[in-house]
Each structure stands twice: as structure tokens, then as C-alpha cells.
Amino acid sequence: MAEQSHVEVLRRWEEHGAEWRVVHVSDEAAIVDLCTCYGEPVERLESRDPELISYVRERDFGSAP
């Protein structure tokens, strides 16, 4: 099975009723906390992937989860 992209991970996380929060986003990197449905962080994604940076910016400044 192919490894999921970070964007796919965030989408799947949401589909299962959990939430995520942007800790940091810049042109170079994004840091996102994956949280339980109660808001408790359980995992952290850190990436320099331009697709993730773009997705996080769109969601963070638009319709945040």
C-alpha cells in the first residue's frame, strides 16, 4: 500500500471526526497538530511539502477545521 501524503492524512483525520490545528506555516514549512475530537494533540506533522503548505494556508485562513 502506498504511503499517504500529508494532505491525505489531514483529510482522513477530518473524515473520522477529529480536528487539526496549524502550529506554524511559512513559505518553507508547515507544522500541524493532529488532535482528538476533544482538541487534545496526539501527533504532530512537520513538512516542507509545498502541497501541504498550500492546503494548510487555504484552510487556516479560509474555513478552518
PDB file of N, CA and C in Angstrom:
ATOM      1  N   MET A   1       0.847  -1.185   0.000  1.00  0.00           N
ATOM      2  CA  MET A   1       0.000   0.000   0.000  1.00  0.00           C
ATOM      3  C   MET A   1       0.891   1.246   0.000  1.00  0.00           C
ATOM      4  N   ALA A   2       0.545   2.223  -0.823  1.00  0.00           N
ATOM      5  CA  ALA A   2       1.316   3.459  -0.940  1.00  0.00           C
ATOM      6  C   ALA A   2       1.135   4.330   0.302  1.00  0.00           C
ATOM      7  N   GLU A   3       2.194   5.051   0.636  1.00  0.00           N
ATOM      8  CA  GLU A   3       2.137   5.961   1.783  1.00  0.00           C
ATOM      9  C   GLU A   3       1.262   7.162   1.440  1.00  0.00           C
ATOM     10  N   GLN A   4       0.463   7.605   2.402  1.00  0.00           N
ATOM     11  CA  GLN A   4      -0.424   8.758   2.189  1.00  0.00           C
ATOM     12  C   GLN A   4       0.380  10.052   2.251  1.00  0.00           C
ATOM     13  N   SER A   5      -0.053  11.034   1.442  1.00  0.00           N
ATOM     14  CA  SER A   5       0.545  12.362   1.546  1.00  0.00           C
ATOM     15  C   SER A   5       0.046  13.003   2.840  1.00  0.00           C
ATOM     16  N   HIS A   6       0.711  14.057   3.259  1.00  0.00           N
ATOM     17  CA  HIS A   6       0.284  14.757   4.476  1.00  0.00           C
ATOM     18  C   HIS A   6      -1.111  15.351   4.302  1.00  0.00           C
ATOM     19  N   VAL A   7      -1.440  15.820   3.113  1.00  0.00           N
ATOM     20  CA  VAL A   7      -2.776  16.361   2.860  1.00  0.00           C
ATOM     21  C   VAL A   7      -3.815  15.252   2.994  1.00  0.00           C
ATOM     22  N   GLU A   8      -3.527  14.077   2.474  1.00  0.00           N
ATOM     23  CA  GLU A   8      -4.455  12.947   2.616  1.00  0.00           C
ATOM     24  C   GLU A   8      -4.643  12.579   4.083  1.00  0.00           C
ATOM     25  N   VAL A   9      -3.568  12.661   4.857  1.00  0.00           N
ATOM     26  CA  VAL A   9      -3.659  12.385   6.295  1.00  0.00           C
ATOM     27  C   VAL A   9      -4.614  13.376   6.955  1.00  0.00           C
ATOM     28  N   LEU A  10      -4.493  14.672   6.645  1.00  0.00           N
ATOM     29  CA  LEU A  10      -5.371  15.682   7.246  1.00  0.00           C
ATOM     30  C   LEU A  10      -6.824  15.450   6.847  1.00  0.00           C
ATOM     31  N   ARG A  11      -7.059  15.151   5.584  1.00  0.00           N
ATOM     32  CA  ARG A  11      -8.431  14.896   5.119  1.00  0.00           C
ATOM     33  C   ARG A  11      -9.031  13.677   5.813  1.00  0.00           C
ATOM     34  N   ARG A  12      -8.239  12.626   5.905  1.00  0.00           N
ATOM     35  CA  ARG A  12      -8.734  11.410   6.578  1.00  0.00           C
ATOM     36  C   ARG A  12      -9.003  11.684   8.053  1.00  0.00           C
ATOM     37  N   TRP A  13      -8.142  12.455   8.670  1.00  0.00           N
ATOM     38  CA  TRP A  13      -8.298  12.826  10.082  1.00  0.00           C
ATOM     39  C   TRP A  13      -9.659  13.496  10.284  1.00  0.00           C
ATOM     40  N   GLU A  14      -9.969  14.458   9.410  1.00  0.00           N
ATOM     41  CA  GLU A  14     -11.255  15.163   9.489  1.00  0.00           C
ATOM     42  C   GLU A  14     -12.431  14.224   9.243  1.00  0.00           C
ATOM     43  N   GLU A  15     -12.293  13.338   8.267  1.00  0.00           N
ATOM     44  CA  GLU A  15     -13.370  12.401   7.935  1.00  0.00           C
ATOM     45  C   GLU A  15     -13.746  11.519   9.120  1.00  0.00           C
ATOM     46  N   HIS A  16     -12.798  11.306  10.026  1.00  0.00           N
ATOM     47  CA  HIS A  16     -13.054  10.475  11.194  1.00  0.00           C
ATOM     48  C   HIS A  16     -13.468  11.299  12.417  1.00  0.00           C
ATOM     49  N   GLY A  17     -13.793  12.565  12.199  1.00  0.00           N
ATOM     50  CA  GLY A  17     -14.335  13.391  13.271  1.00  0.00           C
ATOM     51  C   GLY A  17     -13.318  14.071  14.153  1.00  0.00           C
ATOM     52  N   ALA A  18     -12.050  13.957  13.819  1.00  0.00           N
ATOM     53  CA  ALA A  18     -11.026  14.615  14.625  1.00  0.00           C
ATOM     54  C   ALA A  18     -10.731  15.992  14.022  1.00  0.00           C
ATOM     55  N   GLU A  19      -9.854  16.732  14.666  1.00  0.00           N
ATOM     56  CA  GLU A  19      -9.513  18.061  14.178  1.00  0.00           C
ATOM     57  C   GLU A  19      -8.005  18.224  14.131  1.00  0.00           C
ATOM     58  N   TRP A  20      -7.569  19.250  13.431  1.00  0.00           N
ATOM     59  CA  TRP A  20      -6.153  19.581  13.387  1.00  0.00           C
ATOM     60  C   TRP A  20      -5.983  21.079  13.501  1.00  0.00           C
ATOM     61  N   ARG A  21      -4.807  21.469  14.021  1.00  0.00           N
ATOM     62  CA  ARG A  21      -4.521  22.888  14.233  1.00  0.00           C
ATOM     63  C   ARG A  21      -3.157  23.240  13.674  1.00  0.00           C
ATOM     64  N   VAL A  22      -3.090  24.370  13.028  1.00  0.00           N
ATOM     65  CA  VAL A  22      -1.821  24.860  12.498  1.00  0.00           C
ATOM     66  C   VAL A  22      -1.009  25.443  13.646  1.00  0.00           C
ATOM     67  N   VAL A  23       0.189  24.934  13.827  1.00  0.00           N
ATOM     68  CA  VAL A  23       1.116  25.456  14.831  1.00  0.00           C
ATOM     69  C   VAL A  23       1.990  26.529  14.193  1.00  0.00           C
ATOM     70  N   HIS A  24       2.415  26.256  12.945  1.00  0.00           N
ATOM     71  CA  HIS A  24       3.276  27.190  12.213  1.00  0.00           C
ATOM     72  C   HIS A  24       3.121  26.924  10.721  1.00  0.00           C
ATOM     73  N   VAL A  25       3.093  27.988   9.942  1.00  0.00           N
ATOM     74  CA  VAL A  25       3.135  27.843   8.489  1.00  0.00           C
ATOM     75  C   VAL A  25       3.927  29.007   7.909  1.00  0.00           C
ATOM     76  N   SER A  26       4.829  28.680   6.987  1.00  0.00           N
ATOM     77  CA  SER A  26       5.628  29.689   6.292  1.00  0.00           C
ATOM     78  C   SER A  26       5.807  29.216   4.856  1.00  0.00           C
ATOM     79  N   ASP A  27       6.556  29.955   4.077  1.00  0.00           N
ATOM     80  CA  ASP A  27       6.830  29.533   2.708  1.00  0.00           C
ATOM     81  C   ASP A  27       7.693  28.269   2.668  1.00  0.00           C
ATOM     82  N   GLU A  28       8.393  27.987   3.744  1.00  0.00           N
ATOM     83  CA  GLU A  28       9.318  26.861   3.783  1.00  0.00           C
ATOM     84  C   GLU A  28       8.769  25.612   4.458  1.00  0.00           C
ATOM     85  N   ALA A  29       7.829  25.752   5.397  1.00  0.00           N
ATOM     86  CA  ALA A  29       7.400  24.583   6.169  1.00  0.00           C
ATOM     87  C   ALA A  29       6.032  24.799   6.814  1.00  0.00           C
ATOM     88  N   ALA A  30       5.437  23.665   7.169  1.00  0.00           N
ATOM     89  CA  ALA A  30       4.181  23.684   7.929  1.00  0.00           C
ATOM     90  C   ALA A  30       4.305  22.715   9.094  1.00  0.00           C
ATOM     91  N   ILE A  31       3.765  23.118  10.234  1.00  0.00           N
ATOM     92  CA  ILE A  31       3.701  22.256  11.412  1.00  0.00           C
ATOM     93  C   ILE A  31       2.242  22.235  11.844  1.00  0.00           C
ATOM     94  N   VAL A  32       1.694  21.029  11.952  1.00  0.00           N
ATOM     95  CA  VAL A  32       0.273  20.850  12.240  1.00  0.00           C
ATOM     96  C   VAL A  32       0.112  19.822  13.354  1.00  0.00           C
ATOM     97  N   ASP A  33      -0.679  20.156  14.368  1.00  0.00           N
ATOM     98  CA  ASP A  33      -1.023  19.195  15.413  1.00  0.00           C
ATOM     99  C   ASP A  33      -2.295  18.458  15.016  1.00  0.00           C
ATOM    100  N   LEU A  34      -2.249  17.130  15.080  1.00  0.00           N
ATOM    101  CA  LEU A  34      -3.436  16.304  14.895  1.00  0.00           C
ATOM    102  C   LEU A  34      -4.029  16.095  16.274  1.00  0.00           C
ATOM    103  N   CYS A  35      -5.304  16.435  16.425  1.00  0.00           N
ATOM    104  CA  CYS A  35      -5.943  16.426  17.741  1.00  0.00           C
ATOM    105  C   CYS A  35      -7.127  15.467  17.773  1.00  0.00           C
ATOM    106  N   THR A  36      -7.485  15.055  18.969  1.00  0.00           N
ATOM    107  CA  THR A  36      -8.684  14.254  19.153  1.00  0.00           C
ATOM    108  C   THR A  36      -9.896  15.136  18.906  1.00  0.00           C
ATOM    109  N   CYS A  37     -11.056  14.539  18.887  1.00  0.00           N
ATOM    110  CA  CYS A  37     -12.281  15.329  18.719  1.00  0.00           C
ATOM    111  C   CYS A  37     -12.513  16.251  19.922  1.00  0.00           C
ATOM    112  N   TYR A  38     -11.761  16.033  21.013  1.00  0.00           N
ATOM    113  CA  TYR A  38     -11.850  16.891  22.193  1.00  0.00           C
ATOM    114  C   TYR A  38     -10.779  17.985  22.189  1.00  0.00           C
ATOM    115  N   GLY A  39      -9.954  18.007  21.123  1.00  0.00           N
ATOM    116  CA  GLY A  39      -8.945  19.049  20.986  1.00  0.00           C
ATOM    117  C   GLY A  39      -7.588  18.739  21.572  1.00  0.00           C
ATOM    118  N   GLU A  40      -7.379  17.506  22.060  1.00  0.00           N
ATOM    119  CA  GLU A  40      -6.094  17.142  22.642  1.00  0.00           C
ATOM    120  C   GLU A  40      -5.126  16.692  21.554  1.00  0.00           C
ATOM    121  N   PRO A  41      -3.941  17.308  21.464  1.00  0.00           N
ATOM    122  CA  PRO A  41      -2.967  16.900  20.451  1.00  0.00           C
ATOM    123  C   PRO A  41      -2.479  15.468  20.700  1.00  0.00           C
ATOM    124  N   VAL A  42      -2.399  14.683  19.627  1.00  0.00           N
ATOM    125  CA  VAL A  42      -1.910  13.316  19.746  1.00  0.00           C
ATOM    126  C   VAL A  42      -0.730  13.030  18.817  1.00  0.00           C
ATOM    127  N   GLU A  43      -0.564  13.870  17.799  1.00  0.00           N
ATOM    128  CA  GLU A  43       0.518  13.670  16.849  1.00  0.00           C
ATOM    129  C   GLU A  43       0.827  15.007  16.190  1.00  0.00           C
ATOM    130  N   ARG A  44       2.041  15.155  15.699  1.00  0.00           N
ATOM    131  CA  ARG A  44       2.435  16.398  15.025  1.00  0.00           C
ATOM    132  C   ARG A  44       3.028  16.072  13.661  1.00  0.00           C
ATOM    133  N   LEU A  45       2.539  16.785  12.641  1.00  0.00           N
ATOM    134  CA  LEU A  45       3.092  16.681  11.294  1.00  0.00           C
ATOM    135  C   LEU A  45       3.992  17.883  11.057  1.00  0.00           C
ATOM    136  N   GLU A  46       5.205  17.625  10.594  1.00  0.00           N
ATOM    137  CA  GLU A  46       6.120  18.692  10.205  1.00  0.00           C
ATOM    138  C   GLU A  46       6.596  18.366   8.805  1.00  0.00           C
ATOM    139  N   SER A  47       6.445  19.310   7.878  1.00  0.00           N
ATOM    140  CA  SER A  47       6.787  19.023   6.495  1.00  0.00           C
ATOM    141  C   SER A  47       7.188  20.283   5.742  1.00  0.00           C
ATOM    142  N   ARG A  48       7.995  20.073   4.712  1.00  0.00           N
ATOM    143  CA  ARG A  48       8.370  21.132   3.781  1.00  0.00           C
ATOM    144  C   ARG A  48       7.642  20.943   2.449  1.00  0.00           C
ATOM    145  N   ASP A  49       6.653  20.071   2.426  1.00  0.00           N
ATOM    146  CA  ASP A  49       5.890  19.748   1.218  1.00  0.00           C
ATOM    147  C   ASP A  49       5.046  20.953   0.783  1.00  0.00           C
ATOM    148  N   PRO A  50       5.284  21.479  -0.422  1.00  0.00           N
ATOM    149  CA  PRO A  50       4.528  22.646  -0.902  1.00  0.00           C
ATOM    150  C   PRO A  50       3.012  22.397  -0.961  1.00  0.00           C
ATOM    151  N   GLU A  51       2.607  21.165  -1.251  1.00  0.00           N
ATOM    152  CA  GLU A  51       1.175  20.836  -1.284  1.00  0.00           C
ATOM    153  C   GLU A  51       0.546  21.009   0.099  1.00  0.00           C
ATOM    154  N   LEU A  52       1.234  20.546   1.122  1.00  0.00           N
ATOM    155  CA  LEU A  52       0.722  20.693   2.492  1.00  0.00           C
ATOM    156  C   LEU A  52       0.688  22.166   2.896  1.00  0.00           C
ATOM    157  N   ILE A  53       1.742  22.903   2.602  1.00  0.00           N
ATOM    158  CA  ILE A  53       1.797  24.324   2.951  1.00  0.00           C
ATOM    159  C   ILE A  53       0.625  25.068   2.319  1.00  0.00           C
ATOM    160  N   SER A  54       0.367  24.812   1.060  1.00  0.00           N
ATOM    161  CA  SER A  54      -0.748  25.455   0.359  1.00  0.00           C
ATOM    162  C   SER A  54      -2.093  25.067   0.971  1.00  0.00           C
ATOM    163  N   TYR A  55      -2.283  23.784   1.238  1.00  0.00           N
ATOM    164  CA  TYR A  55      -3.545  23.291   1.804  1.00  0.00           C
ATOM    165  C   TYR A  55      -3.803  23.911   3.178  1.00  0.00           C
ATOM    166  N   VAL A  56      -2.780  23.919   4.002  1.00  0.00           N
ATOM    167  CA  VAL A  56      -2.913  24.468   5.357  1.00  0.00           C
ATOM    168  C   VAL A  56      -3.238  25.963   5.298  1.00  0.00           C
ATOM    169  N   ARG A  57      -2.592  26.674   4.408  1.00  0.00           N
ATOM    170  CA  ARG A  57      -2.874  28.112   4.277  1.00  0.00           C
ATOM    171  C   ARG A  57      -4.311  28.344   3.843  1.00  0.00           C
ATOM    172  N   GLU A  58      -4.779  27.598   2.874  1.00  0.00           N
ATOM    173  CA  GLU A  58      -6.168  27.747   2.407  1.00  0.00           C
ATOM    174  C   GLU A  58      -7.147  27.483   3.532  1.00  0.00           C
ATOM    175  N   ARG A  59      -6.927  26.439   4.292  1.00  0.00           N
ATOM    176  CA  ARG A  59      -7.843  26.063   5.366  1.00  0.00           C
ATOM    177  C   ARG A  59      -7.700  26.974   6.573  1.00  0.00           C
ATOM    178  N   ASP A  60      -6.476  27.365   6.898  1.00  0.00           N
ATOM    179  CA  ASP A  60      -6.229  28.184   8.078  1.00  0.00           C
ATOM    180  C   ASP A  60      -6.799  29.585   7.918  1.00  0.00           C
ATOM    181  N   PHE A  61      -6.723  30.136   6.724  1.00  0.00           N
ATOM    182  CA  PHE A  61      -7.209  31.497   6.507  1.00  0.00           C
ATOM    183  C   PHE A  61      -8.609  31.527   5.906  1.00  0.00           C
ATOM    184  N   GLY A  62      -9.114  30.352   5.551  1.00  0.00           N
ATOM    185  CA  GLY A  62     -10.471  30.266   4.989  1.00  0.00           C
ATOM    186  C   GLY A  62     -11.386  29.602   5.993  1.00  0.00           C
ATOM    187  N   SER A  63     -11.773  28.393   5.697  1.00  0.00           N
ATOM    188  CA  SER A  63     -12.685  27.658   6.582  1.00  0.00           C
ATOM    189  C   SER A  63     -11.888  26.712   7.458  1.00  0.00           C
ATOM    190  N   ALA A  64     -11.333  27.222   8.518  1.00  0.00           N
ATOM    191  CA  ALA A  64     -10.512  26.410   9.430  1.00  0.00           C
ATOM    192  C   ALA A  64     -11.350  25.297  10.032  1.00  0.00           C
ATOM    193  N   PRO A  65     -10.688  24.129  10.252  1.00  0.00           N
ATOM    194  CA  PRO A  65     -11.413  22.999  10.834  1.00  0.00           C
ATOM    195  C   PRO A  65     -11.833  23.255  12.264  1.00  0.00           C
TER     196      PRO A  65
END
